[in-house]
Amino acid sequence: MFIIGELINGMYSYIGKAIAEKNKGVIQKYALDQLKAGADALDVNCGPASKQPILDIQWLIETIQEVTDKTICIDSSKPDVIESGLKVTKNKAIINSTTADVAKLDKLIPLAKKYHAKLIGLTISAKGIPQNKDQRLELAAQIVATCSEAGFLLDDLYLDPIVMPVNVAQSQQNEILESIREFKILSEPSPKTIVGLSNVSQGTFVRPLINRTFLVMAQSFGLDAAILDPLDSELMDAGITADLILNKHIFCDKYLEAYRKK
């Protein structure tokens, strides 16, 4: 399981304040804490309150790269902000994200190719969030086909089925899980799958338990990656153990410690 830490996001008050004050210490602490907890990459988002996101995304990335060379996942709905971040990223980045709309794909696929970045494709369009598995598959197929026609390597594509909060979309959860499995048969090589995990528990009172349970279930359906809070140690332990049971790494009595040191 490829883990992307979600905590460097300006929507969190402590990160938003650090961005506004250009406090490198706070950003670097959250970067290193997430990596120490087992994150493989770091999602970086200026947040909606940023008044100069093009400059702020560069500052965030450069600040993080002072203390680590791990993968940066550049998170923005604005292509110009994404490109600004790509310009200062030292290693192969991840673009988070494109939708299935042609206009968005036509902007972000060329950027991903130009900067040799990976790309997250959300199975959503201007019509809104899909309401069942078939609609998700249709949008996923559109993303895959457009990437393939543009010469973008499908090995570098992640498909996101759009996780919905269980308290308002309980009936969709099984559709989302089935979509993860069926995305795998859309192409050869298969696109990877990813979820923004915290969305499933949004607005609920037992968020850690819901996140943990959904993650393990999604792994059994073939999930490859997740954007989540790696500082939730029980969540991380559940994910590591699920991968162990799915025979993705070798058992030893200290497998949790061994996995985190990988």
Protein backbone atom coordinates (compact mmCIF):
# COMPACT_ATOMS: atom_id res chain seq x y z
CA MET A 1 0.00 0.00 0.00
CA PHE A 2 1.32 3.39 -1.04
CA ILE A 3 0.51 5.93 1.68
CA ILE A 4 0.22 9.67 0.99
CA GLY A 5 0.12 11.80 4.14
CA GLU A 6 -2.77 14.29 4.11
CA LEU A 7 -1.81 16.72 6.86
CA ILE A 8 0.02 19.50 5.01
CA ASN A 9 -3.13 21.22 3.90
CA GLY A 10 -4.02 24.86 4.47
CA MET A 11 -7.55 23.95 5.48
CA TYR A 12 -6.09 22.85 8.81
CA SER A 13 -5.74 25.98 10.93
CA TYR A 14 -2.20 25.24 12.10
CA ILE A 15 -0.99 24.70 8.52
CA GLY A 16 -2.88 27.74 7.22
CA LYS A 17 -1.28 29.86 9.92
CA ALA A 18 2.17 28.47 9.15
CA ILE A 19 1.74 29.28 5.46
CA ALA A 20 0.61 32.84 6.24
CA GLU A 21 3.53 33.38 8.64
CA LYS A 22 6.02 31.41 6.48
CA ASN A 23 6.85 29.26 9.48
CA LYS A 24 9.06 26.52 8.06
CA GLY A 25 9.37 24.71 11.38
CA VAL A 26 5.70 23.72 11.54
CA ILE A 27 5.62 22.48 7.93
CA GLN A 28 8.84 20.50 8.28
CA LYS A 29 7.69 18.93 11.55
CA TYR A 30 4.46 17.64 9.98
CA ALA A 31 6.38 16.42 6.95
CA LEU A 32 8.89 14.44 9.01
CA ASP A 33 6.29 13.17 11.51
CA GLN A 34 4.18 11.72 8.70
CA LEU A 35 7.17 10.09 7.03
CA LYS A 36 8.34 8.61 10.33
CA ALA A 37 4.85 7.16 10.83
CA GLY A 38 5.06 5.34 7.49
CA ALA A 39 3.97 7.75 4.75
CA ASP A 40 5.59 7.20 1.36
CA ALA A 41 4.65 10.62 -0.03
CA LEU A 42 3.23 13.94 1.17
CA ASP A 43 0.12 15.65 -0.14
CA VAL A 44 0.65 19.43 -0.30
CA ASN A 45 -2.29 21.82 -0.54
CA CYS A 46 -2.30 25.57 0.15
CA GLY A 47 -5.94 25.50 1.20
CA PRO A 48 -8.81 27.77 0.19
CA ALA A 49 -7.63 30.71 2.31
CA SER A 50 -4.34 31.18 0.46
CA LYS A 51 -4.22 34.60 -1.20
CA GLN A 52 -1.29 33.72 -3.45
CA PRO A 53 -1.45 29.96 -4.07
CA ILE A 54 1.03 30.02 -6.95
CA LEU A 55 3.74 31.33 -4.63
CA ASP A 56 2.54 29.47 -1.54
CA ILE A 57 2.68 26.05 -3.20
CA GLN A 58 6.27 26.69 -4.22
CA TRP A 59 7.18 27.80 -0.70
CA LEU A 60 5.58 24.69 0.78
CA ILE A 61 7.37 22.32 -1.59
CA GLU A 62 10.74 24.01 -1.21
CA THR A 63 10.33 24.01 2.58
CA ILE A 64 9.57 20.28 2.61
CA GLN A 65 12.41 19.49 0.22
CA GLU A 66 14.87 21.05 2.66
CA VAL A 67 14.32 18.06 4.97
CA THR A 68 13.27 15.18 2.69
CA ASP A 69 13.41 13.98 -0.89
CA LYS A 70 10.22 11.91 -0.64
CA THR A 71 7.53 12.19 -3.31
CA ILE A 72 5.36 15.32 -3.30
CA CYS A 73 1.69 15.07 -4.27
CA ILE A 74 0.66 18.53 -5.53
CA ASP A 75 -2.97 19.06 -4.59
CA SER A 76 -4.92 21.84 -6.30
CA SER A 77 -7.93 22.32 -8.55
CA LYS A 78 -6.03 25.01 -10.51
CA PRO A 79 -3.65 23.93 -13.30
CA ASP A 80 -1.50 27.06 -12.93
CA VAL A 81 -0.94 26.29 -9.24
CA ILE A 82 -0.06 22.69 -10.08
CA GLU A 83 2.46 23.76 -12.72
CA SER A 84 3.97 26.27 -10.33
CA GLY A 85 4.58 23.43 -7.89
CA LEU A 86 5.92 21.10 -10.56
CA LYS A 87 8.54 23.68 -11.53
CA VAL A 88 10.24 23.44 -8.12
CA THR A 89 9.70 19.75 -7.39
CA LYS A 90 13.03 17.93 -7.49
CA ASN A 91 11.78 14.36 -7.90
CA LYS A 92 8.88 12.72 -9.72
CA ALA A 93 5.68 14.31 -8.40
CA ILE A 94 2.03 13.26 -8.30
CA ILE A 95 -0.65 15.61 -9.64
CA ASN A 96 -3.77 15.59 -7.49
CA SER A 97 -5.91 15.71 -9.55
CA THR A 98 -7.85 15.74 -12.81
CA THR A 99 -11.52 15.00 -13.34
CA ALA A 100 -12.91 13.09 -16.32
CA ASP A 101 -13.89 16.31 -18.09
CA VAL A 102 -12.11 16.72 -21.42
CA ALA A 103 -11.09 20.32 -20.72
CA LYS A 104 -9.38 19.31 -17.47
CA LEU A 105 -7.71 16.25 -19.01
CA ASP A 106 -6.45 18.33 -21.93
CA LYS A 107 -4.69 20.66 -19.49
CA LEU A 108 -3.30 18.23 -16.95
CA ILE A 109 -2.17 15.27 -19.06
CA PRO A 110 0.31 17.46 -21.00
CA LEU A 111 1.57 18.87 -17.68
CA ALA A 112 2.06 15.37 -16.29
CA LYS A 113 3.98 14.36 -19.42
CA LYS A 114 6.08 17.52 -19.48
CA TYR A 115 7.21 17.14 -15.87
CA HIS A 116 7.21 13.30 -15.83
CA ALA A 117 4.63 13.32 -13.05
CA LYS A 118 2.10 10.72 -12.00
CA LEU A 119 -1.58 11.65 -12.23
CA ILE A 120 -4.65 11.01 -10.07
CA GLY A 121 -7.88 10.82 -12.06
CA LEU A 122 -11.12 11.43 -10.19
CA THR A 123 -14.17 9.62 -11.53
CA ILE A 124 -16.25 12.75 -11.44
CA SER A 125 -17.41 15.13 -14.14
CA ALA A 126 -19.23 18.40 -14.60
CA LYS A 127 -22.45 16.40 -14.15
CA GLY A 128 -21.47 15.68 -10.57
CA ILE A 129 -20.53 12.67 -8.45
CA PRO A 130 -21.46 9.29 -9.98
CA GLN A 131 -24.23 7.45 -8.20
CA ASN A 132 -23.30 3.86 -8.99
CA LYS A 133 -20.51 1.56 -10.12
CA ASP A 134 -21.40 1.73 -13.82
CA GLN A 135 -21.16 5.52 -13.89
CA ARG A 136 -17.80 5.36 -12.14
CA LEU A 137 -16.53 2.80 -14.64
CA GLU A 138 -17.68 4.92 -17.57
CA LEU A 139 -15.75 7.94 -16.26
CA ALA A 140 -12.73 5.82 -15.40
CA ALA A 141 -12.71 4.37 -18.92
CA GLN A 142 -12.83 7.89 -20.34
CA ILE A 143 -9.80 8.92 -18.27
CA VAL A 144 -7.87 5.79 -19.25
CA ALA A 145 -8.69 6.19 -22.95
CA THR A 146 -7.72 9.86 -23.00
CA CYS A 147 -4.43 9.17 -21.21
CA SER A 148 -3.64 6.32 -23.58
CA GLU A 149 -4.41 8.37 -26.69
CA ALA A 150 -2.21 11.18 -25.37
CA GLY A 151 0.71 8.83 -24.81
CA PHE A 152 0.62 9.08 -21.04
CA LEU A 153 1.95 5.96 -19.32
CA LEU A 154 -0.87 4.07 -17.62
CA ASP A 155 1.63 2.83 -15.03
CA ASP A 156 1.64 6.43 -13.78
CA LEU A 157 -2.16 6.74 -13.53
CA TYR A 158 -4.18 6.41 -10.33
CA LEU A 159 -7.97 6.20 -10.49
CA ASP A 160 -10.07 7.49 -7.60
CA PRO A 161 -13.68 6.18 -7.31
CA ILE A 162 -14.68 9.19 -5.15
CA VAL A 163 -15.33 8.05 -1.61
CA MET A 164 -18.55 9.44 -0.12
CA PRO A 165 -19.36 9.99 3.58
CA VAL A 166 -21.09 6.92 4.94
CA ASN A 167 -23.57 9.02 6.94
CA VAL A 168 -25.08 10.55 3.77
CA ALA A 169 -24.27 7.91 1.14
CA GLN A 170 -24.40 4.58 2.94
CA SER A 171 -25.84 2.78 -0.08
CA GLN A 172 -22.89 3.85 -2.24
CA GLN A 173 -20.13 2.25 -0.21
CA ASN A 174 -20.36 -1.18 -1.82
CA GLU A 175 -20.53 0.46 -5.26
CA ILE A 176 -17.30 2.30 -4.47
CA LEU A 177 -15.56 -0.88 -3.34
CA GLU A 178 -16.69 -2.82 -6.41
CA SER A 179 -15.43 0.03 -8.60
CA ILE A 180 -11.93 -0.40 -7.17
CA ARG A 181 -11.93 -4.02 -8.27
CA GLU A 182 -13.33 -3.34 -11.74
CA PHE A 183 -11.02 -0.41 -12.54
CA LYS A 184 -8.28 -3.03 -12.73
CA ILE A 185 -9.69 -4.60 -15.90
CA LEU A 186 -9.95 -1.38 -17.89
CA SER A 187 -6.49 -1.61 -19.43
CA GLU A 188 -3.21 -3.47 -19.61
CA PRO A 189 -1.24 -2.49 -17.65
CA SER A 190 -3.94 -1.87 -15.08
CA PRO A 191 -4.29 1.63 -13.68
CA LYS A 192 -3.59 1.90 -9.98
CA THR A 193 -6.37 2.80 -7.55
CA ILE A 194 -6.43 5.40 -4.80
CA VAL A 195 -8.90 6.90 -2.32
CA GLY A 196 -9.08 10.01 -0.19
CA LEU A 197 -9.83 7.93 2.89
CA SER A 198 -10.98 10.59 5.35
CA ASN A 199 -13.99 11.42 3.17
CA VAL A 200 -15.73 8.20 4.20
CA SER A 201 -16.05 9.31 7.84
CA GLN A 202 -16.70 13.01 7.32
CA GLY A 203 -19.39 14.25 9.70
CA THR A 204 -19.51 11.07 11.80
CA PHE A 205 -18.75 10.58 15.49
CA VAL A 206 -16.48 7.52 15.16
CA ARG A 207 -14.19 8.66 12.36
CA PRO A 208 -11.10 6.56 13.23
CA LEU A 209 -13.08 3.30 13.32
CA ILE A 210 -14.88 4.01 10.04
CA ASN A 211 -11.63 5.02 8.32
CA ARG A 212 -9.84 1.92 9.57
CA THR A 213 -12.61 -0.47 8.55
CA PHE A 214 -13.09 1.03 5.09
CA LEU A 215 -9.35 1.00 4.39
CA VAL A 216 -9.02 -2.71 5.16
CA MET A 217 -12.10 -3.53 3.09
CA ALA A 218 -10.80 -1.46 0.16
CA GLN A 219 -7.45 -3.25 0.33
CA SER A 220 -9.25 -6.56 -0.09
CA PHE A 221 -10.80 -5.17 -3.29
CA GLY A 222 -7.36 -4.28 -4.68
CA LEU A 223 -6.71 -0.73 -3.46
CA ASP A 224 -3.15 0.38 -4.24
CA ALA A 225 -2.87 3.73 -2.47
CA ALA A 226 -4.61 6.04 -0.02
CA ILE A 227 -4.39 9.65 1.07
CA LEU A 228 -4.82 9.51 4.82
CA ASP A 229 -3.57 10.56 8.26
CA PRO A 230 -0.48 8.44 8.93
CA LEU A 231 -0.30 9.76 12.51
CA ASP A 232 -3.32 7.56 13.30
CA SER A 233 -1.23 4.59 14.41
CA GLU A 234 -4.17 2.18 14.65
CA LEU A 235 -5.17 3.05 11.08
CA MET A 236 -1.63 2.45 9.87
CA ASP A 237 -1.38 -0.82 11.80
CA ALA A 238 -4.64 -2.03 10.26
CA GLY A 239 -3.43 -1.19 6.74
CA ILE A 240 -0.06 -2.87 7.25
CA THR A 241 -1.73 -5.96 8.70
CA ALA A 242 -4.21 -6.14 5.82
CA ASP A 243 -1.33 -6.11 3.34
CA LEU A 244 0.33 -8.87 5.36
CA ILE A 245 -2.80 -11.04 5.24
CA LEU A 246 -3.07 -10.36 1.49
CA ASN A 247 0.49 -11.75 1.18
CA LYS A 248 2.05 -8.46 0.07
CA HIS A 249 4.92 -8.72 2.55
CA ILE A 250 6.56 -11.45 4.59
CA PHE A 251 5.44 -12.25 8.12
CA CYS A 252 7.70 -11.84 11.10
CA ASP A 253 6.81 -11.20 14.74
CA LYS A 254 7.89 -7.56 14.39
CA TYR A 255 6.26 -7.00 10.98
CA LEU A 256 4.78 -3.63 11.99
CA GLU A 257 8.19 -2.28 12.95
CA ALA A 258 9.81 -3.85 9.90
CA TYR A 259 7.26 -2.32 7.53
CA ARG A 260 7.79 1.17 8.91
CA LYS A 261 11.55 0.83 8.41
CA LYS A 262 11.21 -0.25 4.77
